[in-house]
Amino acid sequence: MNTEVLKGGFGNAPVDAAYAFRAAMNAMACPGTVEVLQGAQPPAPVSVAAGTLLLTLCDPDTPLHLAGDFDCEDVRAWVSFHIGAPVVAAEFSMFALGSWEALAPLSRFAIGTPEYPDRSATLIVEQEVLAQEGMALRGPGIKDSVTMSLPETEAFQMNAMLFPLGLDFFFTSGDQVSALPRTTKVEVA
């Protein structure tokens, strides 16, 4: 057994998870803001923020999809040991992790149903950098508008049109996280 998978979890799980959950929810409640997420030390190519999100939001009952380079032996072993989440195909996932390109096409992911809009997927998109520039965001949790760098515009505009159905997104880079819920309108700034 590769003993490296035994490393990288929370040092003090209840406290670390509570801080991480609050930061993740703050990011989702205030789209476009950047929060710091720390506590996990996952294997490459997973960032600290993405690993911390996985430790906080996933459990053995949370189907997880790993896309592209993130679907490797080290990441699967780390997820198995620290979280126990089953790794599944995109269409069966509640959470997914990967680069924007690896997660495409988004149509593979569940958007919920009219009776159960909460049965949609949340995508964790790893990016090189998070910047508060680029597209204009408007909607709940935003006073007037904020700007956020996004990998594209049309996919997020189409996603918002599906409300109350749709996908929710976390964007991670290093120890930073930002979020874009399905309620947010994306416009060219």
N, C-alpha and C. Protein backbone atom coordinates (compact mmCIF):
# COMPACT_ATOMS: atom_id res chain seq x y z
N MET A 1 0.84 -1.19 0.00
CA MET A 1 0.00 0.00 0.00
C MET A 1 0.88 1.24 0.00
N ASN A 2 0.48 2.22 -0.80
CA ASN A 2 1.19 3.49 -0.87
C ASN A 2 0.83 4.31 0.37
N THR A 3 1.79 4.47 1.28
CA THR A 3 1.51 5.17 2.54
C THR A 3 1.30 6.67 2.35
N GLU A 4 1.63 7.21 1.19
CA GLU A 4 1.41 8.64 0.93
C GLU A 4 -0.07 8.99 0.98
N VAL A 5 -0.97 8.04 0.65
CA VAL A 5 -2.40 8.33 0.67
C VAL A 5 -2.90 8.53 2.09
N LEU A 6 -2.15 8.07 3.09
CA LEU A 6 -2.55 8.24 4.48
C LEU A 6 -2.37 9.68 4.94
N LYS A 7 -1.59 10.44 4.19
CA LYS A 7 -1.31 11.84 4.54
C LYS A 7 -2.29 12.75 3.81
N GLY A 8 -2.34 13.99 4.27
CA GLY A 8 -3.08 15.00 3.53
C GLY A 8 -4.49 15.27 4.00
N GLY A 9 -4.95 14.59 5.04
CA GLY A 9 -6.28 14.85 5.58
C GLY A 9 -6.24 16.01 6.56
N PHE A 10 -7.38 16.31 7.16
CA PHE A 10 -7.45 17.36 8.16
C PHE A 10 -6.68 16.94 9.41
N GLY A 11 -5.94 17.89 10.01
CA GLY A 11 -5.25 17.63 11.25
C GLY A 11 -6.21 17.54 12.42
N ASN A 12 -7.20 18.42 12.44
CA ASN A 12 -8.24 18.45 13.47
C ASN A 12 -9.56 18.51 12.71
N ALA A 13 -10.07 17.36 12.31
CA ALA A 13 -11.20 17.27 11.37
C ALA A 13 -12.42 18.11 11.75
N PRO A 14 -12.93 18.06 12.97
CA PRO A 14 -14.13 18.85 13.26
C PRO A 14 -13.92 20.36 13.08
N VAL A 15 -12.80 20.86 13.57
CA VAL A 15 -12.52 22.29 13.49
C VAL A 15 -12.17 22.69 12.05
N ASP A 16 -11.29 21.94 11.41
CA ASP A 16 -10.89 22.25 10.04
C ASP A 16 -12.08 22.20 9.09
N ALA A 17 -12.94 21.21 9.23
CA ALA A 17 -14.12 21.09 8.37
C ALA A 17 -15.09 22.24 8.61
N ALA A 18 -15.24 22.67 9.86
CA ALA A 18 -16.14 23.78 10.16
C ALA A 18 -15.66 25.07 9.51
N TYR A 19 -14.36 25.36 9.61
CA TYR A 19 -13.81 26.56 8.97
C TYR A 19 -13.95 26.47 7.45
N ALA A 20 -13.67 25.31 6.91
CA ALA A 20 -13.75 25.13 5.46
C ALA A 20 -15.19 25.24 4.98
N PHE A 21 -16.13 24.67 5.71
CA PHE A 21 -17.53 24.74 5.32
C PHE A 21 -18.01 26.19 5.31
N ARG A 22 -17.63 26.93 6.32
CA ARG A 22 -18.03 28.35 6.37
C ARG A 22 -17.45 29.12 5.19
N ALA A 23 -16.19 28.90 4.87
CA ALA A 23 -15.57 29.60 3.74
C ALA A 23 -16.24 29.21 2.42
N ALA A 24 -16.55 27.93 2.26
CA ALA A 24 -17.21 27.47 1.03
C ALA A 24 -18.60 28.08 0.90
N MET A 25 -19.35 28.12 2.00
CA MET A 25 -20.69 28.69 1.96
C MET A 25 -20.64 30.21 1.76
N ASN A 26 -19.63 30.88 2.33
CA ASN A 26 -19.46 32.32 2.08
C ASN A 26 -19.20 32.57 0.60
N ALA A 27 -18.36 31.73 0.00
CA ALA A 27 -18.06 31.88 -1.44
C ALA A 27 -19.32 31.68 -2.26
N MET A 28 -20.15 30.69 -1.91
CA MET A 28 -21.38 30.43 -2.66
C MET A 28 -22.42 31.53 -2.43
N ALA A 29 -22.48 32.07 -1.21
CA ALA A 29 -23.45 33.11 -0.89
C ALA A 29 -23.10 34.45 -1.51
N CYS A 30 -21.83 34.69 -1.75
CA CYS A 30 -21.36 35.95 -2.34
C CYS A 30 -20.55 35.64 -3.59
N PRO A 31 -21.24 35.31 -4.70
CA PRO A 31 -20.53 34.92 -5.93
C PRO A 31 -19.47 35.94 -6.34
N GLY A 32 -18.35 35.44 -6.80
CA GLY A 32 -17.27 36.29 -7.27
C GLY A 32 -16.25 36.65 -6.21
N THR A 33 -16.58 36.47 -4.93
CA THR A 33 -15.61 36.75 -3.89
C THR A 33 -14.64 35.57 -3.80
N VAL A 34 -13.46 35.86 -3.30
CA VAL A 34 -12.44 34.82 -3.16
C VAL A 34 -12.21 34.56 -1.68
N GLU A 35 -12.31 33.30 -1.29
CA GLU A 35 -12.08 32.86 0.08
C GLU A 35 -10.84 31.98 0.11
N VAL A 36 -10.25 31.85 1.28
CA VAL A 36 -9.10 30.96 1.47
C VAL A 36 -9.60 29.66 2.10
N LEU A 37 -9.19 28.54 1.52
CA LEU A 37 -9.51 27.21 2.04
C LEU A 37 -8.22 26.46 2.30
N GLN A 38 -8.03 26.03 3.54
CA GLN A 38 -6.82 25.30 3.89
C GLN A 38 -7.16 24.10 4.76
N GLY A 39 -6.22 23.20 4.87
CA GLY A 39 -6.38 22.05 5.75
C GLY A 39 -6.01 20.74 5.09
N ALA A 40 -6.28 20.63 3.80
CA ALA A 40 -5.96 19.39 3.08
C ALA A 40 -4.62 19.52 2.37
N GLN A 41 -3.98 18.40 2.16
CA GLN A 41 -2.76 18.32 1.35
C GLN A 41 -2.94 17.16 0.38
N PRO A 42 -3.78 17.33 -0.62
CA PRO A 42 -4.07 16.24 -1.54
C PRO A 42 -2.92 16.01 -2.52
N PRO A 43 -2.93 14.88 -3.19
CA PRO A 43 -1.89 14.63 -4.19
C PRO A 43 -2.13 15.49 -5.44
N ALA A 44 -1.05 15.74 -6.17
CA ALA A 44 -1.15 16.48 -7.43
C ALA A 44 -2.01 15.67 -8.40
N PRO A 45 -2.77 16.33 -9.22
CA PRO A 45 -2.83 17.77 -9.50
C PRO A 45 -3.89 18.51 -8.70
N VAL A 46 -4.43 17.94 -7.64
CA VAL A 46 -5.49 18.57 -6.86
C VAL A 46 -4.92 19.69 -6.00
N SER A 47 -5.53 20.87 -6.05
CA SER A 47 -5.08 22.00 -5.24
C SER A 47 -5.50 21.82 -3.78
N VAL A 48 -4.91 22.60 -2.91
CA VAL A 48 -5.27 22.59 -1.50
C VAL A 48 -6.75 22.92 -1.33
N ALA A 49 -7.22 23.96 -2.05
CA ALA A 49 -8.63 24.37 -1.93
C ALA A 49 -9.57 23.28 -2.41
N ALA A 50 -9.27 22.65 -3.54
CA ALA A 50 -10.14 21.59 -4.07
C ALA A 50 -10.13 20.38 -3.13
N GLY A 51 -8.98 20.01 -2.61
CA GLY A 51 -8.91 18.90 -1.67
C GLY A 51 -9.68 19.19 -0.39
N THR A 52 -9.59 20.43 0.08
CA THR A 52 -10.32 20.83 1.28
C THR A 52 -11.82 20.79 1.03
N LEU A 53 -12.27 21.24 -0.16
CA LEU A 53 -13.69 21.14 -0.51
C LEU A 53 -14.15 19.69 -0.50
N LEU A 54 -13.36 18.81 -1.10
CA LEU A 54 -13.73 17.39 -1.14
C LEU A 54 -13.86 16.81 0.26
N LEU A 55 -12.88 17.11 1.13
CA LEU A 55 -12.94 16.61 2.50
C LEU A 55 -14.15 17.14 3.26
N THR A 56 -14.56 18.36 2.92
CA THR A 56 -15.65 19.03 3.63
C THR A 56 -17.03 18.65 3.11
N LEU A 57 -17.18 18.54 1.80
CA LEU A 57 -18.50 18.38 1.20
C LEU A 57 -18.85 16.97 0.76
N CYS A 58 -17.88 16.09 0.69
CA CYS A 58 -18.13 14.73 0.21
C CYS A 58 -17.99 13.71 1.34
N ASP A 59 -18.68 12.59 1.16
CA ASP A 59 -18.62 11.49 2.12
C ASP A 59 -18.89 10.19 1.36
N PRO A 60 -18.97 9.06 2.05
CA PRO A 60 -19.19 7.79 1.34
C PRO A 60 -20.50 7.70 0.56
N ASP A 61 -21.44 8.61 0.80
CA ASP A 61 -22.71 8.62 0.07
C ASP A 61 -22.74 9.67 -1.04
N THR A 62 -21.58 10.23 -1.38
CA THR A 62 -21.50 11.30 -2.37
C THR A 62 -20.75 10.82 -3.61
N PRO A 63 -21.47 10.45 -4.67
CA PRO A 63 -20.79 10.03 -5.89
C PRO A 63 -19.94 11.18 -6.48
N LEU A 64 -18.70 10.88 -6.77
CA LEU A 64 -17.72 11.87 -7.22
C LEU A 64 -17.19 11.46 -8.59
N HIS A 65 -17.11 12.44 -9.49
CA HIS A 65 -16.51 12.20 -10.80
C HIS A 65 -15.17 12.92 -10.85
N LEU A 66 -14.12 12.22 -11.25
CA LEU A 66 -12.81 12.81 -11.45
C LEU A 66 -12.56 12.88 -12.94
N ALA A 67 -12.28 14.08 -13.45
CA ALA A 67 -12.15 14.28 -14.90
C ALA A 67 -10.71 14.54 -15.31
N GLY A 68 -10.34 14.03 -16.46
CA GLY A 68 -9.03 14.29 -17.04
C GLY A 68 -7.89 13.82 -16.16
N ASP A 69 -6.90 14.68 -15.98
CA ASP A 69 -5.70 14.35 -15.20
C ASP A 69 -6.01 14.07 -13.73
N PHE A 70 -7.17 14.48 -13.27
CA PHE A 70 -7.54 14.28 -11.86
C PHE A 70 -7.98 12.84 -11.60
N ASP A 71 -8.27 12.11 -12.65
CA ASP A 71 -8.64 10.71 -12.52
C ASP A 71 -7.38 9.86 -12.65
N CYS A 72 -6.61 9.83 -11.56
CA CYS A 72 -5.36 9.07 -11.54
C CYS A 72 -5.32 8.23 -10.26
N GLU A 73 -4.41 7.30 -10.22
CA GLU A 73 -4.33 6.36 -9.10
C GLU A 73 -4.13 7.06 -7.76
N ASP A 74 -3.23 8.06 -7.70
CA ASP A 74 -2.96 8.74 -6.43
C ASP A 74 -4.20 9.47 -5.90
N VAL A 75 -4.92 10.16 -6.79
CA VAL A 75 -6.11 10.90 -6.36
C VAL A 75 -7.20 9.93 -5.95
N ARG A 76 -7.41 8.87 -6.73
CA ARG A 76 -8.42 7.87 -6.37
C ARG A 76 -8.12 7.24 -5.00
N ALA A 77 -6.86 6.92 -4.73
CA ALA A 77 -6.49 6.32 -3.45
C ALA A 77 -6.70 7.31 -2.31
N TRP A 78 -6.35 8.58 -2.53
CA TRP A 78 -6.53 9.61 -1.50
C TRP A 78 -8.02 9.79 -1.19
N VAL A 79 -8.85 9.88 -2.23
CA VAL A 79 -10.30 10.01 -2.05
C VAL A 79 -10.84 8.79 -1.32
N SER A 80 -10.42 7.61 -1.71
CA SER A 80 -10.90 6.39 -1.09
C SER A 80 -10.57 6.35 0.40
N PHE A 81 -9.34 6.71 0.75
CA PHE A 81 -8.91 6.64 2.14
C PHE A 81 -9.52 7.74 3.01
N HIS A 82 -9.48 8.99 2.52
CA HIS A 82 -9.90 10.12 3.35
C HIS A 82 -11.39 10.42 3.30
N ILE A 83 -12.05 10.06 2.21
CA ILE A 83 -13.45 10.45 2.03
C ILE A 83 -14.36 9.24 1.89
N GLY A 84 -13.90 8.24 1.16
CA GLY A 84 -14.71 7.06 0.91
C GLY A 84 -15.76 7.25 -0.16
N ALA A 85 -15.73 8.39 -0.85
CA ALA A 85 -16.71 8.67 -1.90
C ALA A 85 -16.49 7.74 -3.09
N PRO A 86 -17.57 7.17 -3.63
CA PRO A 86 -17.41 6.34 -4.83
C PRO A 86 -17.09 7.22 -6.04
N VAL A 87 -16.11 6.80 -6.83
CA VAL A 87 -15.76 7.52 -8.05
C VAL A 87 -16.61 6.93 -9.17
N VAL A 88 -17.38 7.80 -9.84
CA VAL A 88 -18.38 7.36 -10.82
C VAL A 88 -18.26 8.14 -12.12
N ALA A 89 -19.03 7.71 -13.12
CA ALA A 89 -19.12 8.43 -14.38
C ALA A 89 -19.84 9.76 -14.14
N ALA A 90 -19.61 10.72 -15.02
CA ALA A 90 -20.15 12.07 -14.86
C ALA A 90 -21.65 12.10 -14.63
N GLU A 91 -22.40 11.32 -15.39
CA GLU A 91 -23.86 11.39 -15.31
C GLU A 91 -24.42 10.89 -13.98
N PHE A 92 -23.62 10.20 -13.18
CA PHE A 92 -24.08 9.68 -11.89
C PHE A 92 -23.52 10.46 -10.70
N SER A 93 -22.78 11.53 -10.96
CA SER A 93 -22.07 12.24 -9.90
C SER A 93 -22.90 13.33 -9.25
N MET A 94 -22.60 13.58 -7.98
CA MET A 94 -23.14 14.74 -7.26
C MET A 94 -22.09 15.85 -7.23
N PHE A 95 -20.82 15.45 -7.26
CA PHE A 95 -19.71 16.38 -7.33
C PHE A 95 -18.77 15.91 -8.44
N ALA A 96 -18.08 16.86 -9.04
CA ALA A 96 -17.10 16.53 -10.06
C ALA A 96 -15.91 17.46 -9.90
N LEU A 97 -14.73 16.95 -10.19
CA LEU A 97 -13.49 17.71 -10.07
C LEU A 97 -12.69 17.57 -11.34
N GLY A 98 -12.22 18.70 -11.86
CA GLY A 98 -11.37 18.67 -13.04
C GLY A 98 -11.14 20.06 -13.58
N SER A 99 -10.37 20.13 -14.66
CA SER A 99 -10.20 21.40 -15.36
C SER A 99 -11.47 21.65 -16.19
N TRP A 100 -11.65 22.87 -16.63
CA TRP A 100 -12.82 23.21 -17.43
C TRP A 100 -12.91 22.32 -18.67
N GLU A 101 -11.80 22.16 -19.35
CA GLU A 101 -11.77 21.35 -20.57
C GLU A 101 -12.12 19.90 -20.28
N ALA A 102 -11.62 19.36 -19.18
CA ALA A 102 -11.87 17.95 -18.85
C ALA A 102 -13.31 17.71 -18.42
N LEU A 103 -13.96 18.71 -17.86
CA LEU A 103 -15.34 18.55 -17.40
C LEU A 103 -16.36 18.67 -18.55
N ALA A 104 -15.94 19.25 -19.66
CA ALA A 104 -16.85 19.41 -20.80
C ALA A 104 -17.16 18.06 -21.43
N PRO A 105 -18.35 17.91 -21.98
CA PRO A 105 -19.47 18.85 -22.04
C PRO A 105 -20.27 18.80 -20.74
N LEU A 106 -20.80 19.94 -20.35
CA LEU A 106 -21.55 20.05 -19.10
C LEU A 106 -22.87 19.28 -19.15
N SER A 107 -23.36 19.00 -20.32
CA SER A 107 -24.63 18.29 -20.47
C SER A 107 -24.58 16.88 -19.87
N ARG A 108 -23.40 16.38 -19.54
CA ARG A 108 -23.27 15.06 -18.93
C ARG A 108 -23.72 15.04 -17.47
N PHE A 109 -23.78 16.20 -16.85
CA PHE A 109 -24.04 16.28 -15.42
C PHE A 109 -25.51 16.54 -15.12
N ALA A 110 -25.96 15.98 -14.00
CA ALA A 110 -27.37 16.13 -13.58
C ALA A 110 -27.66 17.58 -13.21
N ILE A 111 -28.80 18.10 -13.70
CA ILE A 111 -29.22 19.47 -13.38
C ILE A 111 -30.40 19.49 -12.42
N GLY A 112 -30.78 18.32 -11.88
CA GLY A 112 -31.91 18.22 -10.98
C GLY A 112 -33.19 18.00 -11.77
N THR A 113 -34.28 17.90 -11.05
CA THR A 113 -35.60 17.76 -11.67
C THR A 113 -36.52 18.83 -11.09
N PRO A 114 -37.65 19.12 -11.74
CA PRO A 114 -38.56 20.13 -11.17
C PRO A 114 -38.98 19.80 -9.73
N GLU A 115 -39.16 18.51 -9.43
CA GLU A 115 -39.52 18.11 -8.08
C GLU A 115 -38.34 18.18 -7.12
N TYR A 116 -37.15 17.90 -7.61
CA TYR A 116 -35.94 17.85 -6.78
C TYR A 116 -34.79 18.61 -7.46
N PRO A 117 -34.85 19.95 -7.49
CA PRO A 117 -33.77 20.71 -8.13
C PRO A 117 -32.43 20.56 -7.41
N ASP A 118 -32.47 20.11 -6.14
CA ASP A 118 -31.24 19.92 -5.38
C ASP A 118 -30.48 18.67 -5.80
N ARG A 119 -31.04 17.87 -6.66
CA ARG A 119 -30.36 16.66 -7.13
C ARG A 119 -29.52 16.95 -8.37
N SER A 120 -28.82 18.05 -8.31
CA SER A 120 -27.95 18.45 -9.41
C SER A 120 -26.50 18.30 -8.98
N ALA A 121 -25.62 18.40 -9.93
CA ALA A 121 -24.19 18.25 -9.64
C ALA A 121 -23.56 19.60 -9.30
N THR A 122 -22.53 19.54 -8.49
CA THR A 122 -21.69 20.69 -8.19
C THR A 122 -20.32 20.39 -8.78
N LEU A 123 -19.83 21.29 -9.61
CA LEU A 123 -18.54 21.09 -10.28
C LEU A 123 -17.46 21.93 -9.61
N ILE A 124 -16.34 21.30 -9.31
CA ILE A 124 -15.16 21.98 -8.77
C ILE A 124 -14.18 22.10 -9.93
N VAL A 125 -14.01 23.33 -10.38
CA VAL A 125 -13.20 23.61 -11.57
C VAL A 125 -11.85 24.17 -11.14
N GLU A 126 -10.79 23.42 -11.42
CA GLU A 126 -9.43 23.89 -11.10
C GLU A 126 -8.97 24.86 -12.19
N GLN A 127 -8.46 26.01 -11.75
CA GLN A 127 -7.96 27.03 -12.68
C GLN A 127 -6.54 27.41 -12.29
N GLU A 128 -5.84 28.02 -13.23
CA GLU A 128 -4.48 28.48 -12.95
C GLU A 128 -4.48 29.58 -11.89
N VAL A 129 -5.44 30.51 -12.03
CA VAL A 129 -5.51 31.65 -11.11
C VAL A 129 -6.97 32.08 -11.00
N LEU A 130 -7.33 32.62 -9.84
CA LEU A 130 -8.65 33.22 -9.65
C LEU A 130 -8.45 34.73 -9.66
N ALA A 131 -9.21 35.41 -10.49
CA ALA A 131 -9.08 36.86 -10.57
C ALA A 131 -10.47 37.49 -10.55
N GLN A 132 -10.56 38.62 -9.89
CA GLN A 132 -11.82 39.34 -9.83
C GLN A 132 -11.85 40.37 -10.95
N GLU A 133 -11.78 39.85 -12.16
CA GLU A 133 -11.85 40.67 -13.37
C GLU A 133 -12.44 39.79 -14.46
N GLY A 134 -12.98 40.41 -15.48
CA GLY A 134 -13.53 39.64 -16.59
C GLY A 134 -15.02 39.83 -16.71
N MET A 135 -15.79 38.78 -16.46
CA MET A 135 -17.24 38.81 -16.64
C MET A 135 -17.93 39.50 -15.47
N ALA A 136 -19.03 40.18 -15.77
CA ALA A 136 -19.82 40.83 -14.72
C ALA A 136 -20.84 39.84 -14.19
N LEU A 137 -20.95 39.77 -12.87
CA LEU A 137 -21.91 38.88 -12.21
C LEU A 137 -22.96 39.71 -11.51
N ARG A 138 -24.23 39.28 -11.65
CA ARG A 138 -25.35 39.94 -10.98
C ARG A 138 -26.28 38.87 -10.42
N GLY A 139 -26.93 39.18 -9.32
CA GLY A 139 -27.89 38.25 -8.76
C GLY A 139 -27.82 38.22 -7.25
N PRO A 140 -28.47 37.23 -6.63
CA PRO A 140 -28.49 37.12 -5.17
C PRO A 140 -27.07 37.06 -4.60
N GLY A 141 -26.86 37.82 -3.51
CA GLY A 141 -25.57 37.85 -2.84
C GLY A 141 -24.61 38.88 -3.41
N ILE A 142 -25.05 39.62 -4.44
CA ILE A 142 -24.20 40.63 -5.08
C ILE A 142 -24.94 41.96 -5.01
N LYS A 143 -24.32 42.98 -4.40
CA LYS A 143 -24.99 44.26 -4.23
C LYS A 143 -25.37 44.87 -5.58
N ASP A 144 -24.45 45.17 -6.42
CA ASP A 144 -24.72 45.70 -7.76
C ASP A 144 -24.20 44.71 -8.79
N SER A 145 -22.88 44.64 -8.88
CA SER A 145 -22.23 43.64 -9.72
C SER A 145 -20.80 43.47 -9.25
N VAL A 146 -20.24 42.33 -9.55
CA VAL A 146 -18.82 42.04 -9.29
C VAL A 146 -18.27 41.42 -10.57
N THR A 147 -16.98 41.39 -10.67
CA THR A 147 -16.37 40.75 -11.84
C THR A 147 -15.59 39.52 -11.41
N MET A 148 -15.53 38.58 -12.33
CA MET A 148 -14.86 37.31 -12.04
C MET A 148 -14.33 36.73 -13.35
N SER A 149 -13.13 36.20 -13.30
CA SER A 149 -12.59 35.53 -14.49
C SER A 149 -13.22 34.15 -14.60
N LEU A 150 -13.81 33.88 -15.76
CA LEU A 150 -14.46 32.60 -16.02
C LEU A 150 -13.87 32.00 -17.29
N PRO A 151 -13.89 30.68 -17.42
CA PRO A 151 -13.32 30.06 -18.61
C PRO A 151 -14.12 30.33 -19.88
N GLU A 152 -15.39 30.70 -19.75
CA GLU A 152 -16.21 31.09 -20.90
C GLU A 152 -17.46 31.78 -20.37
N THR A 153 -18.29 32.27 -21.25
CA THR A 153 -19.49 33.01 -20.84
C THR A 153 -20.77 32.24 -21.13
N GLU A 154 -20.91 31.73 -22.33
CA GLU A 154 -22.17 31.15 -22.78
C GLU A 154 -22.67 30.00 -21.90
N ALA A 155 -21.78 29.12 -21.48
CA ALA A 155 -22.20 27.98 -20.65
C ALA A 155 -22.85 28.45 -19.35
N PHE A 156 -22.33 29.51 -18.75
CA PHE A 156 -22.87 30.01 -17.49
C PHE A 156 -24.17 30.78 -17.71
N GLN A 157 -24.29 31.46 -18.86
CA GLN A 157 -25.54 32.13 -19.19
C GLN A 157 -26.65 31.10 -19.42
N MET A 158 -26.34 30.05 -20.13
CA MET A 158 -27.32 28.98 -20.38
C MET A 158 -27.70 28.29 -19.07
N ASN A 159 -26.73 28.08 -18.20
CA ASN A 159 -26.99 27.43 -16.91
C ASN A 159 -27.96 28.27 -16.08
N ALA A 160 -27.76 29.58 -16.03
CA ALA A 160 -28.64 30.46 -15.24
C ALA A 160 -30.07 30.45 -15.78
N MET A 161 -30.22 30.25 -17.08
CA MET A 161 -31.56 30.21 -17.69
C MET A 161 -32.35 28.97 -17.27
N LEU A 162 -31.66 27.95 -16.77
CA LEU A 162 -32.32 26.72 -16.35
C LEU A 162 -32.95 26.82 -14.96
N PHE A 163 -32.65 27.88 -14.22
CA PHE A 163 -33.10 28.00 -12.84
C PHE A 163 -34.60 27.73 -12.72
N PRO A 164 -35.03 26.91 -11.75
CA PRO A 164 -34.34 26.47 -10.54
C PRO A 164 -33.44 25.26 -10.74
N LEU A 165 -33.42 24.72 -11.95
CA LEU A 165 -32.49 23.62 -12.24
C LEU A 165 -31.14 24.23 -12.59
N GLY A 166 -30.13 23.38 -12.77
CA GLY A 166 -28.82 23.85 -13.19
C GLY A 166 -27.71 23.34 -12.31
N LEU A 167 -26.51 23.69 -12.69
CA LEU A 167 -25.30 23.28 -11.98
C LEU A 167 -24.80 24.42 -11.10
N ASP A 168 -24.09 24.07 -10.04
CA ASP A 168 -23.40 25.05 -9.20
C ASP A 168 -21.91 24.80 -9.37
N PHE A 169 -21.12 25.86 -9.26
CA PHE A 169 -19.69 25.76 -9.54
C PHE A 169 -18.85 26.34 -8.40
N PHE A 170 -17.77 25.65 -8.08
CA PHE A 170 -16.68 26.19 -7.28
C PHE A 170 -15.48 26.28 -8.21
N PHE A 171 -14.72 27.36 -8.11
CA PHE A 171 -13.48 27.51 -8.86
C PHE A 171 -12.35 27.55 -7.84
N THR A 172 -11.32 26.76 -8.06
CA THR A 172 -10.22 26.66 -7.10
C THR A 172 -8.88 26.89 -7.77
N SER A 173 -7.98 27.44 -6.98
CA SER A 173 -6.60 27.65 -7.42
C SER A 173 -5.75 27.79 -6.16
N GLY A 174 -4.77 26.93 -6.00
CA GLY A 174 -3.96 26.97 -4.78
C GLY A 174 -4.84 26.80 -3.56
N ASP A 175 -4.80 27.77 -2.65
CA ASP A 175 -5.66 27.70 -1.46
C ASP A 175 -6.85 28.65 -1.56
N GLN A 176 -7.21 29.05 -2.77
CA GLN A 176 -8.31 29.99 -2.98
C GLN A 176 -9.51 29.30 -3.62
N VAL A 177 -10.71 29.79 -3.25
CA VAL A 177 -11.95 29.28 -3.82
C VAL A 177 -12.88 30.45 -4.10
N SER A 178 -13.62 30.33 -5.18
CA SER A 178 -14.67 31.26 -5.52
C SER A 178 -15.83 30.41 -6.03
N ALA A 179 -17.03 30.96 -6.06
CA ALA A 179 -18.18 30.15 -6.45
C ALA A 179 -19.10 30.90 -7.40
N LEU A 180 -19.87 30.13 -8.13
CA LEU A 180 -20.86 30.66 -9.06
C LEU A 180 -22.09 29.75 -8.99
N PRO A 181 -23.08 30.15 -8.19
CA PRO A 181 -24.30 29.34 -8.13
C PRO A 181 -25.16 29.54 -9.37
N ARG A 182 -26.10 28.67 -9.57
CA ARG A 182 -26.97 28.72 -10.75
C ARG A 182 -27.84 29.97 -10.80
N THR A 183 -27.99 30.67 -9.68
CA THR A 183 -28.82 31.88 -9.63
C THR A 183 -28.12 33.11 -10.18
N THR A 184 -26.84 33.03 -10.45
CA THR A 184 -26.06 34.18 -10.87
C THR A 184 -26.13 34.40 -12.38
N LYS A 185 -26.39 35.64 -12.76
CA LYS A 185 -26.41 36.02 -14.17
C LYS A 185 -25.00 36.48 -14.55
N VAL A 186 -24.52 36.00 -15.70
CA VAL A 186 -23.18 36.33 -16.18
C VAL A 186 -23.32 37.17 -17.44
N GLU A 187 -22.63 38.31 -17.44
CA GLU A 187 -22.67 39.23 -18.58
C GLU A 187 -21.24 39.63 -18.94
N VAL A 188 -21.06 40.02 -20.20
CA VAL A 188 -19.77 40.55 -20.61
C VAL A 188 -19.61 41.93 -19.97
N ALA A 189 -18.49 42.15 -19.28
CA ALA A 189 -18.27 43.41 -18.55
C ALA A 189 -18.00 44.56 -19.51
